[in-house]
Amino acid sequence: MQKKIRKAVFPVAGLGTRFLPATKANPKEMLPIVDKPLIQYAAEEAVAAGITQLIFVTNLSKRAIEDHFDSNYELEAKLVESGKHELLSMLRNMLPPNVSCVYIRQHVPLGLGHAVLCAKDVVGDEPFAVLLADDLIDGGNKSVLAQMIDVYNKVDSSVLAVKKIDANETEKYGIVGLVKPELVINEFTKITTIIEKPKPKDAPSHYASIGRYILTPRVFDFLGNTSKGAIGEIQLTDGIDKLLTEQSVYGYAFSGDHFDCGSKLGYLEATIAYGRKHPEVGARFEKYLTAFCKQYAI
């Protein structure tokens, strides 16, 4: 019988050096897009897809993430005293009561593959999701992870979210080779290989793996036997490439707007996109942007 996807791993132990000094004392995953931190958007996406256990792989400087999803009785008491019941309800219902959080320390910075491997004992013998919080994806009416679970239910195999990129951007991503060389949105096909940040001339396609994965537990065995690469890290892409020798892995061209919030430009783009549709300030922000563009003849 096919096992359901119930658990999601969030590798959040990175140092966020591209956003220093903002991330010196504040985790990059806690950077806000309007009024919610990146990690909350990722958690909400997982919950909307039916995930009931959130597994955060952290380090000693990431207590703010744990605190964010915990209760804050002093703050709640102040909101009650001030009659701010709407804000109180928002805080108390940040995660549904059937969703639990687990926090695991990655004691040494050995890369994304190692961070995922740290979750092995909690995940157990189940297929699971991996979400990278700094890949913010607006899937519209259906979260990207929910779209991917639909694909998983059809193929009963690992699924990676993929996106077509410019040829000169291959050195930023894990690049996949695909059985079908061109995909339309909501289409999927088997992956033949995956290479971490290849030069454009070495890239197997122009499709990149984008921060959302559904993986079978067999990948843990390969990650546990993967040597550290040139930069001293265990790459998730290497583990997936080895998984391909035994199991099918599919690439899915997701429906949604992707923002690379690990980069300053992507972060600014996300802030504008989400600010424009924010229920409280969206209309005024749109008016400001229109006037700004007119003023500077943009």
C-alpha atoms as a PDB file:
ATOM      1  CA  MET A   1       0.000   0.000   0.000  1.00  0.00           C
ATOM      2  CA  GLN A   2       1.289   3.460  -0.934  1.00  0.00           C
ATOM      3  CA  LYS A   3       2.365   5.485   2.092  1.00  0.00           C
ATOM      4  CA  LYS A   4       1.076   9.017   2.564  1.00  0.00           C
ATOM      5  CA  ILE A   5       3.382  12.015   2.794  1.00  0.00           C
ATOM      6  CA  ARG A   6       2.974  13.071   6.425  1.00  0.00           C
ATOM      7  CA  LYS A   7       6.370  14.570   7.292  1.00  0.00           C
ATOM      8  CA  ALA A   8       8.295  17.546   5.942  1.00  0.00           C
ATOM      9  CA  VAL A   9      11.934  18.447   6.594  1.00  0.00           C
ATOM     10  CA  PHE A  10      13.008  22.095   6.713  1.00  0.00           C
ATOM     11  CA  PRO A  11      16.816  22.506   6.540  1.00  0.00           C
ATOM     12  CA  VAL A  12      17.263  25.839   8.348  1.00  0.00           C
ATOM     13  CA  ALA A  13      20.799  25.572   9.729  1.00  0.00           C
ATOM     14  CA  GLY A  14      22.477  27.776   7.106  1.00  0.00           C
ATOM     15  CA  LEU A  15      24.294  30.932   8.200  1.00  0.00           C
ATOM     16  CA  GLY A  16      22.674  33.308   5.698  1.00  0.00           C
ATOM     17  CA  THR A  17      25.939  35.057   4.850  1.00  0.00           C
ATOM     18  CA  ARG A  18      24.465  36.717   1.739  1.00  0.00           C
ATOM     19  CA  PHE A  19      22.229  38.819   4.000  1.00  0.00           C
ATOM     20  CA  LEU A  20      24.773  39.973   6.568  1.00  0.00           C
ATOM     21  CA  PRO A  21      24.566  42.019   8.725  1.00  0.00           C
ATOM     22  CA  ALA A  22      20.772  41.406   8.891  1.00  0.00           C
ATOM     23  CA  THR A  23      21.373  37.716   9.609  1.00  0.00           C
ATOM     24  CA  LYS A  24      24.112  38.144  12.204  1.00  0.00           C
ATOM     25  CA  ALA A  25      21.656  37.601  15.078  1.00  0.00           C
ATOM     26  CA  ASN A  26      18.479  36.762  13.144  1.00  0.00           C
ATOM     27  CA  PRO A  27      18.044  33.578  11.059  1.00  0.00           C
ATOM     28  CA  LYS A  28      17.596  34.254   7.347  1.00  0.00           C
ATOM     29  CA  GLU A  29      14.442  32.122   7.476  1.00  0.00           C
ATOM     30  CA  MET A  30      12.970  34.692   9.872  1.00  0.00           C
ATOM     31  CA  LEU A  31      13.360  37.564   7.389  1.00  0.00           C
ATOM     32  CA  PRO A  32       9.847  38.896   6.762  1.00  0.00           C
ATOM     33  CA  ILE A  33       8.012  39.161   3.478  1.00  0.00           C
ATOM     34  CA  VAL A  34       5.617  41.965   4.478  1.00  0.00           C
ATOM     35  CA  ASP A  35       4.480  40.629   7.886  1.00  0.00           C
ATOM     36  CA  LYS A  36       5.321  36.911   7.868  1.00  0.00           C
ATOM     37  CA  PRO A  37       8.775  35.303   8.001  1.00  0.00           C
ATOM     38  CA  LEU A  38       9.918  33.060   5.174  1.00  0.00           C
ATOM     39  CA  ILE A  39       9.767  29.956   7.363  1.00  0.00           C
ATOM     40  CA  GLN A  40       6.091  30.535   8.102  1.00  0.00           C
ATOM     41  CA  TYR A  41       5.233  30.682   4.396  1.00  0.00           C
ATOM     42  CA  ALA A  42       7.025  27.338   3.935  1.00  0.00           C
ATOM     43  CA  ALA A  43       5.305  25.781   6.957  1.00  0.00           C
ATOM     44  CA  GLU A  44       1.896  26.965   5.754  1.00  0.00           C
ATOM     45  CA  GLU A  45       2.579  25.471   2.333  1.00  0.00           C
ATOM     46  CA  ALA A  46       3.373  22.130   3.941  1.00  0.00           C
ATOM     47  CA  VAL A  47       0.297  22.187   6.158  1.00  0.00           C
ATOM     48  CA  ALA A  48      -1.917  23.085   3.189  1.00  0.00           C
ATOM     49  CA  ALA A  49      -0.575  19.944   1.488  1.00  0.00           C
ATOM     50  CA  GLY A  50      -1.622  17.729   4.390  1.00  0.00           C
ATOM     51  CA  ILE A  51       1.686  17.512   6.292  1.00  0.00           C
ATOM     52  CA  THR A  52       1.207  16.839   9.997  1.00  0.00           C
ATOM     53  CA  GLN A  53       4.813  16.809  11.270  1.00  0.00           C
ATOM     54  CA  LEU A  54       7.259  19.641  10.629  1.00  0.00           C
ATOM     55  CA  ILE A  55      10.911  18.669  11.159  1.00  0.00           C
ATOM     56  CA  PHE A  56      13.283  21.633  11.472  1.00  0.00           C
ATOM     57  CA  VAL A  57      17.023  20.942  11.145  1.00  0.00           C
ATOM     58  CA  THR A  58      18.588  23.878  12.970  1.00  0.00           C
ATOM     59  CA  ASN A  59      21.808  25.026  14.594  1.00  0.00           C
ATOM     60  CA  LEU A  60      22.545  26.683  17.933  1.00  0.00           C
ATOM     61  CA  SER A  61      21.777  30.187  16.596  1.00  0.00           C
ATOM     62  CA  LYS A  62      18.306  29.377  15.268  1.00  0.00           C
ATOM     63  CA  ARG A  63      16.259  29.448  18.489  1.00  0.00           C
ATOM     64  CA  ALA A  64      14.144  32.237  16.997  1.00  0.00           C
ATOM     65  CA  ILE A  65      12.509  29.695  14.667  1.00  0.00           C
ATOM     66  CA  GLU A  66      11.532  27.446  17.556  1.00  0.00           C
ATOM     67  CA  ASP A  67      10.252  30.454  19.503  1.00  0.00           C
ATOM     68  CA  HIS A  68       8.225  31.633  16.509  1.00  0.00           C
ATOM     69  CA  PHE A  69       6.132  28.465  16.402  1.00  0.00           C
ATOM     70  CA  ASP A  70       5.859  28.205  20.198  1.00  0.00           C
ATOM     71  CA  SER A  71       3.323  29.935  22.448  1.00  0.00           C
ATOM     72  CA  ASN A  72       4.206  33.336  23.888  1.00  0.00           C
ATOM     73  CA  TYR A  73       2.022  33.657  26.965  1.00  0.00           C
ATOM     74  CA  GLU A  74       3.204  37.149  27.908  1.00  0.00           C
ATOM     75  CA  LEU A  75       2.415  38.507  24.434  1.00  0.00           C
ATOM     76  CA  GLU A  76      -0.933  36.712  24.347  1.00  0.00           C
ATOM     77  CA  ALA A  77      -1.876  38.143  27.746  1.00  0.00           C
ATOM     78  CA  LYS A  78      -1.062  41.658  26.495  1.00  0.00           C
ATOM     79  CA  LEU A  79      -3.245  41.133  23.424  1.00  0.00           C
ATOM     80  CA  VAL A  80      -6.121  39.929  25.610  1.00  0.00           C
ATOM     81  CA  GLU A  81      -5.687  42.958  27.877  1.00  0.00           C
ATOM     82  CA  SER A  82      -5.681  45.284  24.843  1.00  0.00           C
ATOM     83  CA  GLY A  83      -8.734  43.642  23.256  1.00  0.00           C
ATOM     84  CA  LYS A  84      -6.758  42.709  20.131  1.00  0.00           C
ATOM     85  CA  HIS A  85      -8.611  39.464  19.629  1.00  0.00           C
ATOM     86  CA  GLU A  86      -7.944  39.168  15.894  1.00  0.00           C
ATOM     87  CA  LEU A  87      -4.185  39.279  16.429  1.00  0.00           C
ATOM     88  CA  LEU A  88      -4.531  36.849  19.328  1.00  0.00           C
ATOM     89  CA  SER A  89      -6.442  34.385  17.166  1.00  0.00           C
ATOM     90  CA  MET A  90      -3.805  34.668  14.424  1.00  0.00           C
ATOM     91  CA  LEU A  91      -1.001  33.811  16.842  1.00  0.00           C
ATOM     92  CA  ARG A  92      -2.848  30.928  18.472  1.00  0.00           C
ATOM     93  CA  ASN A  93      -3.799  29.416  15.131  1.00  0.00           C
ATOM     94  CA  MET A  94      -0.450  29.765  13.383  1.00  0.00           C
ATOM     95  CA  LEU A  95      -0.383  25.966  13.078  1.00  0.00           C
ATOM     96  CA  PRO A  96      -3.392  23.623  13.358  1.00  0.00           C
ATOM     97  CA  PRO A  97      -3.606  21.536  16.566  1.00  0.00           C
ATOM     98  CA  ASN A  98      -2.945  18.302  14.652  1.00  0.00           C
ATOM     99  CA  VAL A  99       0.451  19.549  13.422  1.00  0.00           C
ATOM    100  CA  SER A 100       3.543  18.897  15.546  1.00  0.00           C
ATOM    101  CA  CYS A 101       7.030  20.399  15.344  1.00  0.00           C
ATOM    102  CA  VAL A 102      10.332  18.582  15.872  1.00  0.00           C
ATOM    103  CA  TYR A 103      13.698  20.351  16.157  1.00  0.00           C
ATOM    104  CA  ILE A 104      17.005  18.631  15.362  1.00  0.00           C
ATOM    105  CA  ARG A 105      20.466  20.166  15.644  1.00  0.00           C
ATOM    106  CA  GLN A 106      22.921  19.951  12.757  1.00  0.00           C
ATOM    107  CA  HIS A 107      26.068  20.203  14.860  1.00  0.00           C
ATOM    108  CA  VAL A 108      28.486  20.683  11.964  1.00  0.00           C
ATOM    109  CA  PRO A 109      27.827  22.658   8.741  1.00  0.00           C
ATOM    110  CA  LEU A 110      28.211  19.841   6.212  1.00  0.00           C
ATOM    111  CA  GLY A 111      25.686  20.984   3.639  1.00  0.00           C
ATOM    112  CA  LEU A 112      22.100  20.394   2.558  1.00  0.00           C
ATOM    113  CA  GLY A 113      22.473  16.659   2.069  1.00  0.00           C
ATOM    114  CA  HIS A 114      23.831  16.264   5.593  1.00  0.00           C
ATOM    115  CA  ALA A 115      21.013  18.430   7.005  1.00  0.00           C
ATOM    116  CA  VAL A 116      18.433  16.143   5.407  1.00  0.00           C
ATOM    117  CA  LEU A 117      20.321  13.106   6.695  1.00  0.00           C
ATOM    118  CA  CYS A 118      20.055  14.516  10.238  1.00  0.00           C
ATOM    119  CA  ALA A 119      16.279  13.962  10.021  1.00  0.00           C
ATOM    120  CA  LYS A 120      16.593  10.245   9.209  1.00  0.00           C
ATOM    121  CA  ASP A 121      15.596   8.886  12.627  1.00  0.00           C
ATOM    122  CA  VAL A 122      12.517  11.106  12.852  1.00  0.00           C
ATOM    123  CA  VAL A 123      11.372  10.475   9.280  1.00  0.00           C
ATOM    124  CA  GLY A 124      11.837   6.719   9.589  1.00  0.00           C
ATOM    125  CA  ASP A 125      10.732   4.419   6.788  1.00  0.00           C
ATOM    126  CA  GLU A 126       8.363   6.874   5.105  1.00  0.00           C
ATOM    127  CA  PRO A 127       8.425   9.044   2.006  1.00  0.00           C
ATOM    128  CA  PHE A 128       8.838  12.666   3.027  1.00  0.00           C
ATOM    129  CA  ALA A 129       8.979  16.225   1.751  1.00  0.00           C
ATOM    130  CA  VAL A 130      11.853  18.707   1.898  1.00  0.00           C
ATOM    131  CA  LEU A 131      11.167  22.443   1.688  1.00  0.00           C
ATOM    132  CA  LEU A 132      13.802  25.177   1.420  1.00  0.00           C
ATOM    133  CA  ALA A 133      12.301  28.273   3.007  1.00  0.00           C
ATOM    134  CA  ASP A 134      14.285  30.769   0.950  1.00  0.00           C
ATOM    135  CA  ASP A 135      12.654  29.373  -2.190  1.00  0.00           C
ATOM    136  CA  LEU A 136       9.325  31.171  -1.801  1.00  0.00           C
ATOM    137  CA  ILE A 137       6.694  29.933  -4.257  1.00  0.00           C
ATOM    138  CA  ASP A 138       3.212  31.364  -4.655  1.00  0.00           C
ATOM    139  CA  GLY A 139       1.200  28.450  -6.015  1.00  0.00           C
ATOM    140  CA  GLY A 140      -2.077  30.347  -6.137  1.00  0.00           C
ATOM    141  CA  ASN A 141      -5.075  28.213  -5.215  1.00  0.00           C
ATOM    142  CA  LYS A 142      -2.976  25.079  -4.681  1.00  0.00           C
ATOM    143  CA  SER A 143       0.388  25.014  -2.928  1.00  0.00           C
ATOM    144  CA  VAL A 144       3.315  23.641  -4.908  1.00  0.00           C
ATOM    145  CA  LEU A 145       3.853  20.850  -2.416  1.00  0.00           C
ATOM    146  CA  ALA A 146       0.190  19.845  -2.787  1.00  0.00           C
ATOM    147  CA  GLN A 147       0.676  19.761  -6.569  1.00  0.00           C
ATOM    148  CA  MET A 148       3.726  17.536  -6.102  1.00  0.00           C
ATOM    149  CA  ILE A 149       1.889  15.155  -3.778  1.00  0.00           C
ATOM    150  CA  ASP A 150      -0.711  14.719  -6.526  1.00  0.00           C
ATOM    151  CA  VAL A 151       2.135  13.651  -8.830  1.00  0.00           C
ATOM    152  CA  TYR A 152       3.603  11.359  -6.159  1.00  0.00           C
ATOM    153  CA  ASN A 153       0.217   9.668  -5.752  1.00  0.00           C
ATOM    154  CA  LYS A 154       0.294   8.864  -9.482  1.00  0.00           C
ATOM    155  CA  VAL A 155       3.892   7.649  -9.804  1.00  0.00           C
ATOM    156  CA  ASP A 156       4.675   6.381  -6.255  1.00  0.00           C
ATOM    157  CA  SER A 157       8.213   7.722  -6.663  1.00  0.00           C
ATOM    158  CA  SER A 158      10.360  10.685  -5.674  1.00  0.00           C
ATOM    159  CA  VAL A 159       9.370  14.013  -7.239  1.00  0.00           C
ATOM    160  CA  LEU A 160      11.426  17.218  -7.646  1.00  0.00           C
ATOM    161  CA  ALA A 161      10.009  20.633  -8.475  1.00  0.00           C
ATOM    162  CA  VAL A 162      11.778  21.918 -11.588  1.00  0.00           C
ATOM    163  CA  LYS A 163      11.841  25.228 -13.412  1.00  0.00           C
ATOM    164  CA  LYS A 164      13.301  26.276 -16.750  1.00  0.00           C
ATOM    165  CA  ILE A 165      16.105  28.802 -16.305  1.00  0.00           C
ATOM    166  CA  ASP A 166      18.391  30.846 -18.515  1.00  0.00           C
ATOM    167  CA  ALA A 167      21.416  28.928 -19.777  1.00  0.00           C
ATOM    168  CA  ASN A 168      23.836  31.277 -17.994  1.00  0.00           C
ATOM    169  CA  GLU A 169      22.252  30.534 -14.578  1.00  0.00           C
ATOM    170  CA  THR A 170      23.097  26.827 -14.340  1.00  0.00           C
ATOM    171  CA  GLU A 171      25.910  27.398 -11.840  1.00  0.00           C
ATOM    172  CA  LYS A 172      23.350  28.573  -9.250  1.00  0.00           C
ATOM    173  CA  TYR A 173      21.265  25.366  -9.126  1.00  0.00           C
ATOM    174  CA  GLY A 174      21.128  21.613  -9.245  1.00  0.00           C
ATOM    175  CA  ILE A 175      20.398  20.914 -12.916  1.00  0.00           C
ATOM    176  CA  VAL A 176      18.411  17.865 -14.027  1.00  0.00           C
ATOM    177  CA  GLY A 177      18.470  15.812 -17.178  1.00  0.00           C
ATOM    178  CA  LEU A 178      14.954  14.908 -18.332  1.00  0.00           C
ATOM    179  CA  VAL A 179      13.531  12.149 -20.510  1.00  0.00           C
ATOM    180  CA  LYS A 180      11.288  14.774 -22.100  1.00  0.00           C
ATOM    181  CA  PRO A 181      13.471  17.802 -22.890  1.00  0.00           C
ATOM    182  CA  GLU A 182      10.669  20.406 -22.712  1.00  0.00           C
ATOM    183  CA  LEU A 183       7.882  20.563 -20.137  1.00  0.00           C
ATOM    184  CA  VAL A 184       4.736  22.647 -20.006  1.00  0.00           C
ATOM    185  CA  ILE A 185       3.390  23.790 -16.644  1.00  0.00           C
ATOM    186  CA  ASN A 186       1.871  20.952 -14.541  1.00  0.00           C
ATOM    187  CA  GLU A 187       3.675  18.328 -16.641  1.00  0.00           C
ATOM    188  CA  PHE A 188       6.140  15.761 -15.278  1.00  0.00           C
ATOM    189  CA  THR A 189       8.682  13.343 -16.684  1.00  0.00           C
ATOM    190  CA  LYS A 190      11.458  11.059 -15.449  1.00  0.00           C
ATOM    191  CA  ILE A 191      14.793  12.538 -14.432  1.00  0.00           C
ATOM    192  CA  THR A 192      17.886  10.887 -15.888  1.00  0.00           C
ATOM    193  CA  THR A 193      20.562  12.713 -13.880  1.00  0.00           C
ATOM    194  CA  ILE A 194      21.069  15.668 -11.559  1.00  0.00           C
ATOM    195  CA  ILE A 195      24.272  17.710 -11.323  1.00  0.00           C
ATOM    196  CA  GLU A 196      25.082  20.337  -8.706  1.00  0.00           C
ATOM    197  CA  LYS A 197      25.839  23.774 -10.191  1.00  0.00           C
ATOM    198  CA  PRO A 198      27.380  22.729 -13.521  1.00  0.00           C
ATOM    199  CA  LYS A 199      28.912  25.161 -15.969  1.00  0.00           C
ATOM    200  CA  PRO A 200      26.502  25.960 -18.830  1.00  0.00           C
ATOM    201  CA  LYS A 201      28.452  23.760 -21.262  1.00  0.00           C
ATOM    202  CA  ASP A 202      28.173  20.785 -18.861  1.00  0.00           C
ATOM    203  CA  ALA A 203      24.509  21.200 -17.929  1.00  0.00           C
ATOM    204  CA  PRO A 204      22.249  18.287 -18.963  1.00  0.00           C
ATOM    205  CA  SER A 205      19.317  20.669 -19.574  1.00  0.00           C
ATOM    206  CA  HIS A 206      18.054  24.145 -18.724  1.00  0.00           C
ATOM    207  CA  TYR A 207      15.788  22.825 -15.949  1.00  0.00           C
ATOM    208  CA  ALA A 208      16.764  23.490 -12.332  1.00  0.00           C
ATOM    209  CA  SER A 209      15.632  21.746  -9.176  1.00  0.00           C
ATOM    210  CA  ILE A 210      13.832  24.367  -7.077  1.00  0.00           C
ATOM    211  CA  GLY A 211      13.642  23.972  -3.276  1.00  0.00           C
ATOM    212  CA  ARG A 212      10.787  21.408  -3.119  1.00  0.00           C
ATOM    213  CA  TYR A 213      11.369  17.663  -2.978  1.00  0.00           C
ATOM    214  CA  ILE A 214       9.395  14.516  -2.248  1.00  0.00           C
ATOM    215  CA  LEU A 215      11.856  11.723  -1.521  1.00  0.00           C
ATOM    216  CA  THR A 216      11.711   8.065  -0.604  1.00  0.00           C
ATOM    217  CA  PRO A 217      13.585   7.002   2.557  1.00  0.00           C
ATOM    218  CA  ARG A 218      16.096   5.077   0.437  1.00  0.00           C
ATOM    219  CA  VAL A 219      17.824   8.412  -0.195  1.00  0.00           C
ATOM    220  CA  PHE A 220      19.105   8.364   3.413  1.00  0.00           C
ATOM    221  CA  ASP A 221      21.243   5.312   2.636  1.00  0.00           C
ATOM    222  CA  PHE A 222      22.885   7.101  -0.264  1.00  0.00           C
ATOM    223  CA  LEU A 223      23.376  10.331   1.696  1.00  0.00           C
ATOM    224  CA  GLY A 224      25.013   8.338   4.474  1.00  0.00           C
ATOM    225  CA  ASN A 225      27.511   6.946   1.971  1.00  0.00           C
ATOM    226  CA  THR A 226      28.128  10.155   0.035  1.00  0.00           C
ATOM    227  CA  SER A 227      31.560  11.706   0.450  1.00  0.00           C
ATOM    228  CA  LYS A 228      32.067  15.403   1.019  1.00  0.00           C
ATOM    229  CA  GLY A 229      32.597  17.324  -2.202  1.00  0.00           C
ATOM    230  CA  ALA A 230      35.119  19.973  -3.177  1.00  0.00           C
ATOM    231  CA  ILE A 231      33.692  22.501  -0.709  1.00  0.00           C
ATOM    232  CA  GLY A 232      33.522  19.979   2.142  1.00  0.00           C
ATOM    233  CA  GLU A 233      29.761  19.413   2.029  1.00  0.00           C
ATOM    234  CA  ILE A 234      27.422  16.488   1.409  1.00  0.00           C
ATOM    235  CA  GLN A 235      25.182  17.527  -1.472  1.00  0.00           C
ATOM    236  CA  LEU A 236      21.542  16.465  -1.624  1.00  0.00           C
ATOM    237  CA  THR A 237      21.868  16.337  -5.416  1.00  0.00           C
ATOM    238  CA  ASP A 238      24.577  13.653  -5.119  1.00  0.00           C
ATOM    239  CA  GLY A 239      22.292  11.513  -2.976  1.00  0.00           C
ATOM    240  CA  ILE A 240      19.434  11.924  -5.446  1.00  0.00           C
ATOM    241  CA  ASP A 241      21.694  11.089  -8.378  1.00  0.00           C
ATOM    242  CA  LYS A 242      22.622   7.815  -6.658  1.00  0.00           C
ATOM    243  CA  LEU A 243      18.960   7.172  -5.889  1.00  0.00           C
ATOM    244  CA  LEU A 244      18.348   7.313  -9.646  1.00  0.00           C
ATOM    245  CA  THR A 245      20.406   4.139 -10.071  1.00  0.00           C
ATOM    246  CA  GLU A 246      17.725   2.186  -8.187  1.00  0.00           C
ATOM    247  CA  GLN A 247      14.467   4.115  -8.366  1.00  0.00           C
ATOM    248  CA  SER A 248      12.580   6.416 -10.676  1.00  0.00           C
ATOM    249  CA  VAL A 249      12.662  10.121  -9.851  1.00  0.00           C
ATOM    250  CA  TYR A 250      10.360  12.581 -11.607  1.00  0.00           C
ATOM    251  CA  GLY A 251      10.727  16.253 -12.435  1.00  0.00           C
ATOM    252  CA  TYR A 252       7.549  18.314 -12.138  1.00  0.00           C
ATOM    253  CA  ALA A 253       7.132  21.719 -13.791  1.00  0.00           C
ATOM    254  CA  PHE A 254       5.095  23.383 -11.047  1.00  0.00           C
ATOM    255  CA  SER A 255       2.450  26.047 -11.376  1.00  0.00           C
ATOM    256  CA  GLY A 256       3.341  29.182  -9.421  1.00  0.00           C
ATOM    257  CA  ASP A 257       5.588  32.215  -9.107  1.00  0.00           C
ATOM    258  CA  HIS A 258       9.028  31.416  -7.685  1.00  0.00           C
ATOM    259  CA  PHE A 259      11.197  33.914  -5.780  1.00  0.00           C
ATOM    260  CA  ASP A 260      14.776  33.115  -4.805  1.00  0.00           C
ATOM    261  CA  CYS A 261      14.773  34.850  -1.435  1.00  0.00           C
ATOM    262  CA  GLY A 262      18.293  33.607  -0.763  1.00  0.00           C
ATOM    263  CA  SER A 263      19.368  36.488  -3.015  1.00  0.00           C
ATOM    264  CA  LYS A 264      18.805  40.170  -2.302  1.00  0.00           C
ATOM    265  CA  LEU A 265      17.126  40.781  -5.662  1.00  0.00           C
ATOM    266  CA  GLY A 266      14.776  37.818  -5.279  1.00  0.00           C
ATOM    267  CA  TYR A 267      13.904  38.955  -1.766  1.00  0.00           C
ATOM    268  CA  LEU A 268      13.009  42.437  -3.010  1.00  0.00           C
ATOM    269  CA  GLU A 269      10.936  40.976  -5.859  1.00  0.00           C
ATOM    270  CA  ALA A 270       9.013  38.809  -3.395  1.00  0.00           C
ATOM    271  CA  THR A 271       8.375  41.767  -1.106  1.00  0.00           C
ATOM    272  CA  ILE A 272       6.849  43.736  -3.986  1.00  0.00           C
ATOM    273  CA  ALA A 273       4.769  40.808  -5.266  1.00  0.00           C
ATOM    274  CA  TYR A 274       3.379  39.877  -1.859  1.00  0.00           C
ATOM    275  CA  GLY A 275       3.001  43.505  -0.804  1.00  0.00           C
ATOM    276  CA  ARG A 276       0.791  44.260  -3.819  1.00  0.00           C
ATOM    277  CA  LYS A 277      -1.729  41.570  -2.874  1.00  0.00           C
ATOM    278  CA  HIS A 278      -1.633  42.006   0.905  1.00  0.00           C
ATOM    279  CA  PRO A 279      -5.214  42.432   2.181  1.00  0.00           C
ATOM    280  CA  GLU A 280      -4.311  45.276   4.533  1.00  0.00           C
ATOM    281  CA  VAL A 281      -1.885  47.408   2.537  1.00  0.00           C
ATOM    282  CA  GLY A 282      -2.015  46.008  -1.011  1.00  0.00           C
ATOM    283  CA  ALA A 283      -4.204  48.691  -2.597  1.00  0.00           C
ATOM    284  CA  ARG A 284      -2.205  51.564  -1.088  1.00  0.00           C
ATOM    285  CA  PHE A 285       1.093  49.897  -1.936  1.00  0.00           C
ATOM    286  CA  GLU A 286      -0.032  49.442  -5.548  1.00  0.00           C
ATOM    287  CA  LYS A 287      -0.948  53.128  -5.676  1.00  0.00           C
ATOM    288  CA  TYR A 288       2.478  54.052  -4.311  1.00  0.00           C
ATOM    289  CA  LEU A 289       4.265  51.861  -6.858  1.00  0.00           C
ATOM    290  CA  THR A 290       2.268  53.377  -9.715  1.00  0.00           C
ATOM    291  CA  ALA A 291       3.148  56.906  -8.573  1.00  0.00           C
ATOM    292  CA  PHE A 292       6.793  55.920  -8.046  1.00  0.00           C
ATOM    293  CA  CYS A 293       7.103  54.487 -11.557  1.00  0.00           C
ATOM    294  CA  LYS A 294       5.428  57.563 -13.046  1.00  0.00           C
ATOM    295  CA  GLN A 295       7.692  59.914 -11.099  1.00  0.00           C
ATOM    296  CA  TYR A 296      10.868  58.213 -12.296  1.00  0.00           C
ATOM    297  CA  ALA A 297       9.513  57.425 -15.785  1.00  0.00           C
ATOM    298  CA  ILE A 298       9.934  53.690 -15.286  1.00  0.00           C
END
